[in-house]
Amino acid sequence: MVRARHDAGIAAEVEVLLAAVAAGDPAAADALFAPDRDREALPEPLRFQLELAELRWVLSHPAGFPDDTARELYSALLERCAEQPARQPEIRALGAALHALERDGALPQAMVVRTRRRRD
């Protein structure tokens, strides 16, 4: 019972922070997207909403994330939700925004390193 109340409290905190981040609050973003937050413990669809919000935040503040953070978040979302077709349109829309920022030079373009194929 105590665990259920604790989990409900964490979920409520995440929902409040999500609303604050959507309103543009950078302190809420820092708290919500802290690296020590246990995302896997969040129930669905709250975890998905948090991951989308983090990617949206990074995409709307590209100067604060000049590395490949956006690409990593996008790739992780695609991989985690690969078997959930209903989530793909929302993820792909953020991917289109990511690609536009890469084309415009606001974010670095990803480099893919491939090994040579052996010819037998």
PDB file of N, CA and C in Angstrom:
ATOM      1  N   MET A   1       0.822  -1.193   0.000  1.00  0.00           N
ATOM      2  CA  MET A   1       0.000   0.000   0.000  1.00  0.00           C
ATOM      3  C   MET A   1       0.867   1.258   0.000  1.00  0.00           C
ATOM      4  N   VAL A   2       1.940   1.241   0.795  1.00  0.00           N
ATOM      5  CA  VAL A   2       2.831   2.394   0.842  1.00  0.00           C
ATOM      6  C   VAL A   2       3.489   2.587  -0.514  1.00  0.00           C
ATOM      7  N   ARG A   3       3.893   1.484  -1.150  1.00  0.00           N
ATOM      8  CA  ARG A   3       4.527   1.559  -2.477  1.00  0.00           C
ATOM      9  C   ARG A   3       3.565   2.160  -3.497  1.00  0.00           C
ATOM     10  N   ALA A   4       2.310   1.763  -3.468  1.00  0.00           N
ATOM     11  CA  ALA A   4       1.318   2.286  -4.411  1.00  0.00           C
ATOM     12  C   ALA A   4       1.137   3.792  -4.222  1.00  0.00           C
ATOM     13  N   ARG A   5       1.100   4.244  -2.968  1.00  0.00           N
ATOM     14  CA  ARG A   5       0.971   5.686  -2.708  1.00  0.00           C
ATOM     15  C   ARG A   5       2.211   6.433  -3.178  1.00  0.00           C
ATOM     16  N   HIS A   6       3.376   5.823  -2.961  1.00  0.00           N
ATOM     17  CA  HIS A   6       4.631   6.434  -3.410  1.00  0.00           C
ATOM     18  C   HIS A   6       4.640   6.561  -4.935  1.00  0.00           C
ATOM     19  N   ASP A   7       4.265   5.483  -5.631  1.00  0.00           N
ATOM     20  CA  ASP A   7       4.215   5.502  -7.096  1.00  0.00           C
ATOM     21  C   ASP A   7       3.208   6.525  -7.605  1.00  0.00           C
ATOM     22  N   ALA A   8       2.059   6.614  -6.941  1.00  0.00           N
ATOM     23  CA  ALA A   8       1.045   7.597  -7.341  1.00  0.00           C
ATOM     24  C   ALA A   8       1.562   9.014  -7.121  1.00  0.00           C
ATOM     25  N   GLY A   9       2.309   9.215  -6.051  1.00  0.00           N
ATOM     26  CA  GLY A   9       2.888  10.532  -5.790  1.00  0.00           C
ATOM     27  C   GLY A   9       3.908  10.919  -6.841  1.00  0.00           C
ATOM     28  N   ILE A  10       4.728   9.964  -7.257  1.00  0.00           N
ATOM     29  CA  ILE A  10       5.718  10.227  -8.305  1.00  0.00           C
ATOM     30  C   ILE A  10       5.016  10.535  -9.618  1.00  0.00           C
ATOM     31  N   ALA A  11       3.993   9.761  -9.946  1.00  0.00           N
ATOM     32  CA  ALA A  11       3.245  10.003 -11.183  1.00  0.00           C
ATOM     33  C   ALA A  11       2.597  11.385 -11.162  1.00  0.00           C
ATOM     34  N   ALA A  12       2.044  11.772 -10.022  1.00  0.00           N
ATOM     35  CA  ALA A  12       1.425  13.097  -9.909  1.00  0.00           C
ATOM     36  C   ALA A  12       2.472  14.193 -10.069  1.00  0.00           C
ATOM     37  N   GLU A  13       3.653  13.991  -9.482  1.00  0.00           N
ATOM     38  CA  GLU A  13       4.736  14.971  -9.621  1.00  0.00           C
ATOM     39  C   GLU A  13       5.153  15.105 -11.087  1.00  0.00           C
ATOM     40  N   VAL A  14       5.270  13.983 -11.778  1.00  0.00           N
ATOM     41  CA  VAL A  14       5.658  14.011 -13.192  1.00  0.00           C
ATOM     42  C   VAL A  14       4.603  14.744 -14.013  1.00  0.00           C
ATOM     43  N   GLU A  15       3.337  14.506 -13.730  1.00  0.00           N
ATOM     44  CA  GLU A  15       2.266  15.188 -14.469  1.00  0.00           C
ATOM     45  C   GLU A  15       2.323  16.701 -14.262  1.00  0.00           C
ATOM     46  N   VAL A  16       2.579  17.137 -13.031  1.00  0.00           N
ATOM     47  CA  VAL A  16       2.700  18.574 -12.743  1.00  0.00           C
ATOM     48  C   VAL A  16       3.900  19.157 -13.486  1.00  0.00           C
ATOM     49  N   LEU A  17       5.021  18.451 -13.445  1.00  0.00           N
ATOM     50  CA  LEU A  17       6.219  18.928 -14.141  1.00  0.00           C
ATOM     51  C   LEU A  17       6.020  18.945 -15.655  1.00  0.00           C
ATOM     52  N   LEU A  18       5.315  17.954 -16.192  1.00  0.00           N
ATOM     53  CA  LEU A  18       5.025  17.942 -17.631  1.00  0.00           C
ATOM     54  C   LEU A  18       4.245  19.181 -18.041  1.00  0.00           C
ATOM     55  N   ALA A  19       3.263  19.551 -17.233  1.00  0.00           N
ATOM     56  CA  ALA A  19       2.469  20.752 -17.536  1.00  0.00           C
ATOM     57  C   ALA A  19       3.340  22.002 -17.475  1.00  0.00           C
ATOM     58  N   ALA A  20       4.227  22.074 -16.490  1.00  0.00           N
ATOM     59  CA  ALA A  20       5.107  23.237 -16.367  1.00  0.00           C
ATOM     60  C   ALA A  20       6.090  23.310 -17.532  1.00  0.00           C
ATOM     61  N   VAL A  21       6.609  22.172 -17.960  1.00  0.00           N
ATOM     62  CA  VAL A  21       7.522  22.136 -19.105  1.00  0.00           C
ATOM     63  C   VAL A  21       6.789  22.571 -20.366  1.00  0.00           C
ATOM     64  N   ALA A  22       5.568  22.101 -20.540  1.00  0.00           N
ATOM     65  CA  ALA A  22       4.773  22.494 -21.710  1.00  0.00           C
ATOM     66  C   ALA A  22       4.537  24.001 -21.728  1.00  0.00           C
ATOM     67  N   ALA A  23       4.507  24.616 -20.544  1.00  0.00           N
ATOM     68  CA  ALA A  23       4.337  26.067 -20.446  1.00  0.00           C
ATOM     69  C   ALA A  23       5.665  26.815 -20.597  1.00  0.00           C
ATOM     70  N   GLY A  24       6.779  26.058 -20.737  1.00  0.00           N
ATOM     71  CA  GLY A  24       8.070  26.687 -20.991  1.00  0.00           C
ATOM     72  C   GLY A  24       8.953  26.912 -19.780  1.00  0.00           C
ATOM     73  N   ASP A  25       8.687  26.241 -18.670  1.00  0.00           N
ATOM     74  CA  ASP A  25       9.438  26.440 -17.429  1.00  0.00           C
ATOM     75  C   ASP A  25      10.764  25.666 -17.453  1.00  0.00           C
ATOM     76  N   PRO A  26      11.910  26.376 -17.558  1.00  0.00           N
ATOM     77  CA  PRO A  26      13.196  25.674 -17.619  1.00  0.00           C
ATOM     78  C   PRO A  26      13.561  24.938 -16.326  1.00  0.00           C
ATOM     79  N   ALA A  27      13.145  25.455 -15.176  1.00  0.00           N
ATOM     80  CA  ALA A  27      13.437  24.769 -13.912  1.00  0.00           C
ATOM     81  C   ALA A  27      12.691  23.439 -13.849  1.00  0.00           C
ATOM     82  N   ALA A  28      11.456  23.433 -14.338  1.00  0.00           N
ATOM     83  CA  ALA A  28      10.690  22.186 -14.382  1.00  0.00           C
ATOM     84  C   ALA A  28      11.345  21.198 -15.340  1.00  0.00           C
ATOM     85  N   ALA A  29      11.858  21.696 -16.459  1.00  0.00           N
ATOM     86  CA  ALA A  29      12.547  20.822 -17.420  1.00  0.00           C
ATOM     87  C   ALA A  29      13.783  20.200 -16.780  1.00  0.00           C
ATOM     88  N   ASP A  30      14.550  21.006 -16.050  1.00  0.00           N
ATOM     89  CA  ASP A  30      15.734  20.470 -15.373  1.00  0.00           C
ATOM     90  C   ASP A  30      15.348  19.369 -14.387  1.00  0.00           C
ATOM     91  N   ALA A  31      14.278  19.592 -13.639  1.00  0.00           N
ATOM     92  CA  ALA A  31      13.835  18.603 -12.656  1.00  0.00           C
ATOM     93  C   ALA A  31      13.275  17.357 -13.334  1.00  0.00           C
ATOM     94  N   LEU A  32      12.467  17.557 -14.357  1.00  0.00           N
ATOM     95  CA  LEU A  32      11.799  16.429 -15.012  1.00  0.00           C
ATOM     96  C   LEU A  32      12.769  15.569 -15.809  1.00  0.00           C
ATOM     97  N   PHE A  33      13.724  16.202 -16.467  1.00  0.00           N
ATOM     98  CA  PHE A  33      14.621  15.466 -17.352  1.00  0.00           C
ATOM     99  C   PHE A  33      15.968  15.157 -16.706  1.00  0.00           C
ATOM    100  N   ALA A  34      16.033  15.229 -15.382  1.00  0.00           N
ATOM    101  CA  ALA A  34      17.274  14.916 -14.665  1.00  0.00           C
ATOM    102  C   ALA A  34      17.702  13.487 -14.985  1.00  0.00           C
ATOM    103  N   PRO A  35      18.999  13.277 -15.165  1.00  0.00           N
ATOM    104  CA  PRO A  35      19.464  11.947 -15.553  1.00  0.00           C
ATOM    105  C   PRO A  35      19.191  10.862 -14.512  1.00  0.00           C
ATOM    106  N   ASP A  36      18.989  11.251 -13.260  1.00  0.00           N
ATOM    107  CA  ASP A  36      18.759  10.238 -12.228  1.00  0.00           C
ATOM    108  C   ASP A  36      17.288   9.844 -12.078  1.00  0.00           C
ATOM    109  N   ARG A  37      16.399  10.420 -12.881  1.00  0.00           N
ATOM    110  CA  ARG A  37      14.979  10.063 -12.797  1.00  0.00           C
ATOM    111  C   ARG A  37      14.781   8.661 -13.381  1.00  0.00           C
ATOM    112  N   ASP A  38      14.093   7.803 -12.644  1.00  0.00           N
ATOM    113  CA  ASP A  38      13.852   6.426 -13.077  1.00  0.00           C
ATOM    114  C   ASP A  38      12.627   6.376 -13.985  1.00  0.00           C
ATOM    115  N   ARG A  39      12.852   6.500 -15.271  1.00  0.00           N
ATOM    116  CA  ARG A  39      11.755   6.524 -16.244  1.00  0.00           C
ATOM    117  C   ARG A  39      11.071   5.174 -16.368  1.00  0.00           C
ATOM    118  N   GLU A  40      11.841   4.113 -16.240  1.00  0.00           N
ATOM    119  CA  GLU A  40      11.282   2.774 -16.413  1.00  0.00           C
ATOM    120  C   GLU A  40      10.250   2.445 -15.344  1.00  0.00           C
ATOM    121  N   ALA A  41      10.314   3.114 -14.205  1.00  0.00           N
ATOM    122  CA  ALA A  41       9.357   2.861 -13.133  1.00  0.00           C
ATOM    123  C   ALA A  41       8.020   3.553 -13.377  1.00  0.00           C
ATOM    124  N   LEU A  42       7.986   4.483 -14.328  1.00  0.00           N
ATOM    125  CA  LEU A  42       6.742   5.206 -14.600  1.00  0.00           C
ATOM    126  C   LEU A  42       5.775   4.325 -15.380  1.00  0.00           C
ATOM    127  N   PRO A  43       4.490   4.425 -15.072  1.00  0.00           N
ATOM    128  CA  PRO A  43       3.502   3.654 -15.833  1.00  0.00           C
ATOM    129  C   PRO A  43       3.302   4.261 -17.223  1.00  0.00           C
ATOM    130  N   GLU A  44       2.885   3.430 -18.144  1.00  0.00           N
ATOM    131  CA  GLU A  44       2.502   3.926 -19.468  1.00  0.00           C
ATOM    132  C   GLU A  44       1.088   4.478 -19.359  1.00  0.00           C
ATOM    133  N   PRO A  45       0.715   5.475 -20.055  1.00  0.00           N
ATOM    134  CA  PRO A  45       1.456   6.201 -21.076  1.00  0.00           C
ATOM    135  C   PRO A  45       2.282   7.363 -20.528  1.00  0.00           C
ATOM    136  N   LEU A  46       2.390   7.475 -19.193  1.00  0.00           N
ATOM    137  CA  LEU A  46       3.123   8.601 -18.604  1.00  0.00           C
ATOM    138  C   LEU A  46       4.596   8.599 -19.021  1.00  0.00           C
ATOM    139  N   ARG A  47       5.194   7.416 -19.057  1.00  0.00           N
ATOM    140  CA  ARG A  47       6.598   7.339 -19.481  1.00  0.00           C
ATOM    141  C   ARG A  47       6.748   7.843 -20.919  1.00  0.00           C
ATOM    142  N   PHE A  48       5.851   7.433 -21.786  1.00  0.00           N
ATOM    143  CA  PHE A  48       5.891   7.873 -23.184  1.00  0.00           C
ATOM    144  C   PHE A  48       5.726   9.390 -23.270  1.00  0.00           C
ATOM    145  N   GLN A  49       4.810   9.937 -22.486  1.00  0.00           N
ATOM    146  CA  GLN A  49       4.596  11.390 -22.483  1.00  0.00           C
ATOM    147  C   GLN A  49       5.846  12.129 -22.015  1.00  0.00           C
ATOM    148  N   LEU A  50       6.516  11.583 -21.002  1.00  0.00           N
ATOM    149  CA  LEU A  50       7.746  12.201 -20.512  1.00  0.00           C
ATOM    150  C   LEU A  50       8.822  12.171 -21.596  1.00  0.00           C
ATOM    151  N   GLU A  51       8.978  11.054 -22.268  1.00  0.00           N
ATOM    152  CA  GLU A  51      10.004  10.936 -23.309  1.00  0.00           C
ATOM    153  C   GLU A  51       9.720  11.872 -24.478  1.00  0.00           C
ATOM    154  N   LEU A  52       8.450  11.980 -24.869  1.00  0.00           N
ATOM    155  CA  LEU A  52       8.086  12.926 -25.930  1.00  0.00           C
ATOM    156  C   LEU A  52       8.374  14.358 -25.494  1.00  0.00           C
ATOM    157  N   ALA A  53       8.027  14.683 -24.259  1.00  0.00           N
ATOM    158  CA  ALA A  53       8.242  16.044 -23.751  1.00  0.00           C
ATOM    159  C   ALA A  53       9.725  16.386 -23.729  1.00  0.00           C
ATOM    160  N   GLU A  54      10.556  15.424 -23.355  1.00  0.00           N
ATOM    161  CA  GLU A  54      11.996  15.693 -23.327  1.00  0.00           C
ATOM    162  C   GLU A  54      12.520  15.959 -24.736  1.00  0.00           C
ATOM    163  N   LEU A  55      12.104  15.152 -25.695  1.00  0.00           N
ATOM    164  CA  LEU A  55      12.549  15.376 -27.070  1.00  0.00           C
ATOM    165  C   LEU A  55      12.028  16.712 -27.592  1.00  0.00           C
ATOM    166  N   ARG A  56      10.767  17.032 -27.294  1.00  0.00           N
ATOM    167  CA  ARG A  56      10.224  18.342 -27.707  1.00  0.00           C
ATOM    168  C   ARG A  56      11.045  19.488 -27.110  1.00  0.00           C
ATOM    169  N   TRP A  57      11.403  19.357 -25.837  1.00  0.00           N
ATOM    170  CA  TRP A  57      12.176  20.396 -25.150  1.00  0.00           C
ATOM    171  C   TRP A  57      13.526  20.593 -25.834  1.00  0.00           C
ATOM    172  N   VAL A  58      14.204  19.504 -26.101  1.00  0.00           N
ATOM    173  CA  VAL A  58      15.513  19.584 -26.756  1.00  0.00           C
ATOM    174  C   VAL A  58      15.377  20.216 -28.138  1.00  0.00           C
ATOM    175  N   LEU A  59      14.346  19.814 -28.877  1.00  0.00           N
ATOM    176  CA  LEU A  59      14.153  20.357 -30.226  1.00  0.00           C
ATOM    177  C   LEU A  59      13.791  21.839 -30.195  1.00  0.00           C
ATOM    178  N   SER A  60      13.122  22.282 -29.148  1.00  0.00           N
ATOM    179  CA  SER A  60      12.747  23.692 -29.084  1.00  0.00           C
ATOM    180  C   SER A  60      13.830  24.560 -28.443  1.00  0.00           C
ATOM    181  N   HIS A  61      14.907  23.942 -27.962  1.00  0.00           N
ATOM    182  CA  HIS A  61      16.039  24.667 -27.379  1.00  0.00           C
ATOM    183  C   HIS A  61      17.348  24.098 -27.933  1.00  0.00           C
ATOM    184  N   PRO A  62      17.514  24.098 -29.249  1.00  0.00           N
ATOM    185  CA  PRO A  62      18.683  23.430 -29.836  1.00  0.00           C
ATOM    186  C   PRO A  62      20.019  24.029 -29.411  1.00  0.00           C
ATOM    187  N   ALA A  63      20.057  25.307 -29.108  1.00  0.00           N
ATOM    188  CA  ALA A  63      21.327  25.921 -28.695  1.00  0.00           C
ATOM    189  C   ALA A  63      21.825  25.336 -27.372  1.00  0.00           C
ATOM    190  N   GLY A  64      20.918  24.868 -26.547  1.00  0.00           N
ATOM    191  CA  GLY A  64      21.294  24.272 -25.271  1.00  0.00           C
ATOM    192  C   GLY A  64      21.753  22.830 -25.384  1.00  0.00           C
ATOM    193  N   PHE A  65      21.594  22.253 -26.571  1.00  0.00           N
ATOM    194  CA  PHE A  65      21.940  20.846 -26.779  1.00  0.00           C
ATOM    195  C   PHE A  65      22.693  20.691 -28.099  1.00  0.00           C
ATOM    196  N   PRO A  66      23.923  21.229 -28.173  1.00  0.00           N
ATOM    197  CA  PRO A  66      24.648  21.205 -29.441  1.00  0.00           C
ATOM    198  C   PRO A  66      25.227  19.836 -29.801  1.00  0.00           C
ATOM    199  N   ASP A  67      25.064  18.874 -28.923  1.00  0.00           N
ATOM    200  CA  ASP A  67      25.588  17.542 -29.203  1.00  0.00           C
ATOM    201  C   ASP A  67      24.509  16.687 -29.866  1.00  0.00           C
ATOM    202  N   ASP A  68      24.602  15.388 -29.733  1.00  0.00           N
ATOM    203  CA  ASP A  68      23.635  14.506 -30.383  1.00  0.00           C
ATOM    204  C   ASP A  68      22.521  14.044 -29.442  1.00  0.00           C
ATOM    205  N   THR A  69      22.218  14.847 -28.428  1.00  0.00           N
ATOM    206  CA  THR A  69      21.157  14.509 -27.477  1.00  0.00           C
ATOM    207  C   THR A  69      19.832  14.258 -28.184  1.00  0.00           C
ATOM    208  N   ALA A  70      19.445  15.137 -29.093  1.00  0.00           N
ATOM    209  CA  ALA A  70      18.162  14.986 -29.787  1.00  0.00           C
ATOM    210  C   ALA A  70      18.126  13.688 -30.577  1.00  0.00           C
ATOM    211  N   ARG A  71      19.183  13.388 -31.281  1.00  0.00           N
ATOM    212  CA  ARG A  71      19.251  12.162 -32.082  1.00  0.00           C
ATOM    213  C   ARG A  71      19.167  10.938 -31.182  1.00  0.00           C
ATOM    214  N   GLU A  72      19.850  10.965 -30.045  1.00  0.00           N
ATOM    215  CA  GLU A  72      19.815   9.831 -29.119  1.00  0.00           C
ATOM    216  C   GLU A  72      18.416   9.622 -28.550  1.00  0.00           C
ATOM    217  N   LEU A  73      17.755  10.710 -28.151  1.00  0.00           N
ATOM    218  CA  LEU A  73      16.395  10.603 -27.612  1.00  0.00           C
ATOM    219  C   LEU A  73      15.436  10.063 -28.663  1.00  0.00           C
ATOM    220  N   TYR A  74      15.547  10.584 -29.874  1.00  0.00           N
ATOM    221  CA  TYR A  74      14.677  10.145 -30.970  1.00  0.00           C
ATOM    222  C   TYR A  74      14.899   8.662 -31.275  1.00  0.00           C
ATOM    223  N   SER A  75      16.135   8.256 -31.375  1.00  0.00           N
ATOM    224  CA  SER A  75      16.446   6.856 -31.677  1.00  0.00           C
ATOM    225  C   SER A  75      15.943   5.927 -30.574  1.00  0.00           C
ATOM    226  N   ALA A  76      16.109   6.342 -29.321  1.00  0.00           N
ATOM    227  CA  ALA A  76      15.634   5.523 -28.202  1.00  0.00           C
ATOM    228  C   ALA A  76      14.117   5.373 -28.234  1.00  0.00           C
ATOM    229  N   LEU A  77      13.415   6.458 -28.553  1.00  0.00           N
ATOM    230  CA  LEU A  77      11.954   6.393 -28.662  1.00  0.00           C
ATOM    231  C   LEU A  77      11.530   5.458 -29.786  1.00  0.00           C
ATOM    232  N   LEU A  78      12.166   5.589 -30.936  1.00  0.00           N
ATOM    233  CA  LEU A  78      11.839   4.713 -32.063  1.00  0.00           C
ATOM    234  C   LEU A  78      12.045   3.250 -31.697  1.00  0.00           C
ATOM    235  N   GLU A  79      13.154   2.971 -31.056  1.00  0.00           N
ATOM    236  CA  GLU A  79      13.468   1.590 -30.689  1.00  0.00           C
ATOM    237  C   GLU A  79      12.489   1.054 -29.654  1.00  0.00           C
ATOM    238  N   ARG A  80      12.228   1.841 -28.613  1.00  0.00           N
ATOM    239  CA  ARG A  80      11.349   1.370 -27.538  1.00  0.00           C
ATOM    240  C   ARG A  80       9.915   1.177 -28.003  1.00  0.00           C
ATOM    241  N   CYS A  81       9.477   1.996 -28.944  1.00  0.00           N
ATOM    242  CA  CYS A  81       8.082   1.954 -29.384  1.00  0.00           C
ATOM    243  C   CYS A  81       7.915   1.304 -30.759  1.00  0.00           C
ATOM    244  N   ALA A  82       8.903   0.554 -31.196  1.00  0.00           N
ATOM    245  CA  ALA A  82       8.866  -0.050 -32.533  1.00  0.00           C
ATOM    246  C   ALA A  82       7.663  -0.965 -32.732  1.00  0.00           C
ATOM    247  N   GLU A  83       7.235  -1.624 -31.694  1.00  0.00           N
ATOM    248  CA  GLU A  83       6.108  -2.562 -31.788  1.00  0.00           C
ATOM    249  C   GLU A  83       4.768  -1.911 -31.444  1.00  0.00           C
ATOM    250  N   GLN A  84       4.737  -0.579 -31.406  1.00  0.00           N
ATOM    251  CA  GLN A  84       3.513   0.141 -31.046  1.00  0.00           C
ATOM    252  C   GLN A  84       3.167   1.122 -32.160  1.00  0.00           C
ATOM    253  N   PRO A  85       2.522   0.649 -33.213  1.00  0.00           N
ATOM    254  CA  PRO A  85       2.263   1.497 -34.383  1.00  0.00           C
ATOM    255  C   PRO A  85       1.440   2.744 -34.084  1.00  0.00           C
ATOM    256  N   ALA A  86       0.612   2.723 -33.070  1.00  0.00           N
ATOM    257  CA  ALA A  86      -0.205   3.901 -32.758  1.00  0.00           C
ATOM    258  C   ALA A  86       0.658   5.078 -32.296  1.00  0.00           C
ATOM    259  N   ARG A  87       1.834   4.790 -31.775  1.00  0.00           N
ATOM    260  CA  ARG A  87       2.722   5.852 -31.287  1.00  0.00           C
ATOM    261  C   ARG A  87       3.636   6.401 -32.380  1.00  0.00           C
ATOM    262  N   GLN A  88       3.768   5.680 -33.460  1.00  0.00           N
ATOM    263  CA  GLN A  88       4.723   6.061 -34.497  1.00  0.00           C
ATOM    264  C   GLN A  88       4.464   7.427 -35.133  1.00  0.00           C
ATOM    265  N   PRO A  89       3.231   7.811 -35.444  1.00  0.00           N
ATOM    266  CA  PRO A  89       3.034   9.124 -36.080  1.00  0.00           C
ATOM    267  C   PRO A  89       3.555  10.290 -35.237  1.00  0.00           C
ATOM    268  N   GLU A  90       3.322  10.235 -33.941  1.00  0.00           N
ATOM    269  CA  GLU A  90       3.789  11.313 -33.064  1.00  0.00           C
ATOM    270  C   GLU A  90       5.320  11.336 -32.987  1.00  0.00           C
ATOM    271  N   ILE A  91       5.908  10.158 -32.926  1.00  0.00           N
ATOM    272  CA  ILE A  91       7.370  10.071 -32.889  1.00  0.00           C
ATOM    273  C   ILE A  91       7.951  10.551 -34.213  1.00  0.00           C
ATOM    274  N   ARG A  92       7.368  10.103 -35.314  1.00  0.00           N
ATOM    275  CA  ARG A  92       7.872  10.489 -36.644  1.00  0.00           C
ATOM    276  C   ARG A  92       7.747  11.998 -36.874  1.00  0.00           C
ATOM    277  N   ALA A  93       6.703  12.618 -36.333  1.00  0.00           N
ATOM    278  CA  ALA A  93       6.557  14.075 -36.473  1.00  0.00           C
ATOM    279  C   ALA A  93       7.718  14.792 -35.777  1.00  0.00           C
ATOM    280  N   LEU A  94       8.110  14.296 -34.617  1.00  0.00           N
ATOM    281  CA  LEU A  94       9.265  14.879 -33.932  1.00  0.00           C
ATOM    282  C   LEU A  94      10.551  14.582 -34.702  1.00  0.00           C
ATOM    283  N   GLY A  95      10.601  13.428 -35.351  1.00  0.00           N
ATOM    284  CA  GLY A  95      11.747  13.108 -36.195  1.00  0.00           C
ATOM    285  C   GLY A  95      11.868  14.073 -37.359  1.00  0.00           C
ATOM    286  N   ALA A  96      10.736  14.454 -37.936  1.00  0.00           N
ATOM    287  CA  ALA A  96      10.756  15.433 -39.032  1.00  0.00           C
ATOM    288  C   ALA A  96      11.281  16.778 -38.537  1.00  0.00           C
ATOM    289  N   ALA A  97      10.882  17.166 -37.335  1.00  0.00           N
ATOM    290  CA  ALA A  97      11.389  18.417 -36.754  1.00  0.00           C
ATOM    291  C   ALA A  97      12.893  18.315 -36.498  1.00  0.00           C
ATOM    292  N   LEU A  98      13.335  17.162 -36.029  1.00  0.00           N
ATOM    293  CA  LEU A  98      14.762  16.927 -35.804  1.00  0.00           C
ATOM    294  C   LEU A  98      15.539  17.055 -37.112  1.00  0.00           C
ATOM    295  N   HIS A  99      15.039  16.421 -38.164  1.00  0.00           N
ATOM    296  CA  HIS A  99      15.723  16.475 -39.460  1.00  0.00           C
ATOM    297  C   HIS A  99      15.767  17.902 -40.002  1.00  0.00           C
ATOM    298  N   ALA A 100      14.708  18.665 -39.784  1.00  0.00           N
ATOM    299  CA  ALA A 100      14.693  20.061 -40.237  1.00  0.00           C
ATOM    300  C   ALA A 100      15.758  20.876 -39.503  1.00  0.00           C
ATOM    301  N   LEU A 101      15.899  20.657 -38.201  1.00  0.00           N
ATOM    302  CA  LEU A 101      16.928  21.369 -37.435  1.00  0.00           C
ATOM    303  C   LEU A 101      18.335  20.959 -37.881  1.00  0.00           C
ATOM    304  N   GLU A 102      18.487  19.697 -38.232  1.00  0.00           N
ATOM    305  CA  GLU A 102      19.782  19.241 -38.745  1.00  0.00           C
ATOM    306  C   GLU A 102      20.089  19.900 -40.092  1.00  0.00           C
ATOM    307  N   ARG A 103      19.101  19.939 -40.971  1.00  0.00           N
ATOM    308  CA  ARG A 103      19.293  20.570 -42.288  1.00  0.00           C
ATOM    309  C   ARG A 103      19.628  22.053 -42.157  1.00  0.00           C
ATOM    310  N   ASP A 104      18.983  22.715 -41.190  1.00  0.00           N
ATOM    311  CA  ASP A 104      19.206  24.150 -40.983  1.00  0.00           C
ATOM    312  C   ASP A 104      20.518  24.443 -40.251  1.00  0.00           C
ATOM    313  N   GLY A 105      21.175  23.411 -39.761  1.00  0.00           N
ATOM    314  CA  GLY A 105      22.438  23.602 -39.057  1.00  0.00           C
ATOM    315  C   GLY A 105      22.291  23.908 -37.579  1.00  0.00           C
ATOM    316  N   ALA A 106      21.062  23.894 -37.058  1.00  0.00           N
ATOM    317  CA  ALA A 106      20.843  24.170 -35.634  1.00  0.00           C
ATOM    318  C   ALA A 106      21.276  22.992 -34.764  1.00  0.00           C
ATOM    319  N   LEU A 107      21.234  21.795 -35.322  1.00  0.00           N
ATOM    320  CA  LEU A 107      21.697  20.590 -34.638  1.00  0.00           C
ATOM    321  C   LEU A 107      22.669  19.865 -35.558  1.00  0.00           C
ATOM    322  N   PRO A 108      23.629  19.146 -34.975  1.00  0.00           N
ATOM    323  CA  PRO A 108      24.571  18.415 -35.823  1.00  0.00           C
ATOM    324  C   PRO A 108      23.883  17.257 -36.535  1.00  0.00           C
ATOM    325  N   GLN A 109      24.317  16.996 -37.748  1.00  0.00           N
ATOM    326  CA  GLN A 109      23.783  15.848 -38.469  1.00  0.00           C
ATOM    327  C   GLN A 109      24.477  14.597 -37.964  1.00  0.00           C
ATOM    328  N   ALA A 110      23.711  13.532 -37.913  1.00  0.00           N
ATOM    329  CA  ALA A 110      24.268  12.270 -37.437  1.00  0.00           C
ATOM    330  C   ALA A 110      25.163  11.667 -38.504  1.00  0.00           C
ATOM    331  N   MET A 111      26.245  11.091 -38.042  1.00  0.00           N
ATOM    332  CA  MET A 111      27.126  10.380 -38.962  1.00  0.00           C
ATOM    333  C   MET A 111      26.960   8.895 -38.708  1.00  0.00           C
ATOM    334  N   VAL A 112      26.816   8.155 -39.758  1.00  0.00           N
ATOM    335  CA  VAL A 112      26.688   6.710 -39.640  1.00  0.00           C
ATOM    336  C   VAL A 112      27.969   6.100 -40.177  1.00  0.00           C
ATOM    337  N   VAL A 113      28.612   5.324 -39.344  1.00  0.00           N
ATOM    338  CA  VAL A 113      29.842   4.664 -39.758  1.00  0.00           C
ATOM    339  C   VAL A 113      29.505   3.225 -40.087  1.00  0.00           C
ATOM    340  N   ARG A 114      29.831   2.838 -41.282  1.00  0.00           N
ATOM    341  CA  ARG A 114      29.543   1.473 -41.707  1.00  0.00           C
ATOM    342  C   ARG A 114      30.855   0.780 -42.029  1.00  0.00           C
ATOM    343  N   THR A 115      30.860  -0.501 -41.800  1.00  0.00           N
ATOM    344  CA  THR A 115      32.054  -1.265 -42.149  1.00  0.00           C
ATOM    345  C   THR A 115      31.936  -1.727 -43.590  1.00  0.00           C
ATOM    346  N   ARG A 116      33.054  -1.952 -44.188  1.00  0.00           N
ATOM    347  CA  ARG A 116      33.041  -2.446 -45.563  1.00  0.00           C
ATOM    348  C   ARG A 116      32.500  -3.859 -45.593  1.00  0.00           C
ATOM    349  N   ARG A 117      31.777  -4.133 -46.634  1.00  0.00           N
ATOM    350  CA  ARG A 117      31.280  -5.496 -46.810  1.00  0.00           C
ATOM    351  C   ARG A 117      32.397  -6.354 -47.384  1.00  0.00           C
ATOM    352  N   ARG A 118      32.471  -7.525 -46.872  1.00  0.00           N
ATOM    353  CA  ARG A 118      33.459  -8.458 -47.416  1.00  0.00           C
ATOM    354  C   ARG A 118      32.880  -9.136 -48.636  1.00  0.00           C
ATOM    355  N   ARG A 119      33.680  -9.266 -49.609  1.00  0.00           N
ATOM    356  CA  ARG A 119      33.255 -10.011 -50.802  1.00  0.00           C
ATOM    357  C   ARG A 119      33.907 -11.380 -50.742  1.00  0.00           C
ATOM    358  N   ASP A 120      33.088 -12.364 -50.634  1.00  0.00           N
ATOM    359  CA  ASP A 120      33.626 -13.739 -50.543  1.00  0.00           C
ATOM    360  C   ASP A 120      33.784 -14.354 -51.902  1.00  0.00           C
TER     361      ASP A 120
END
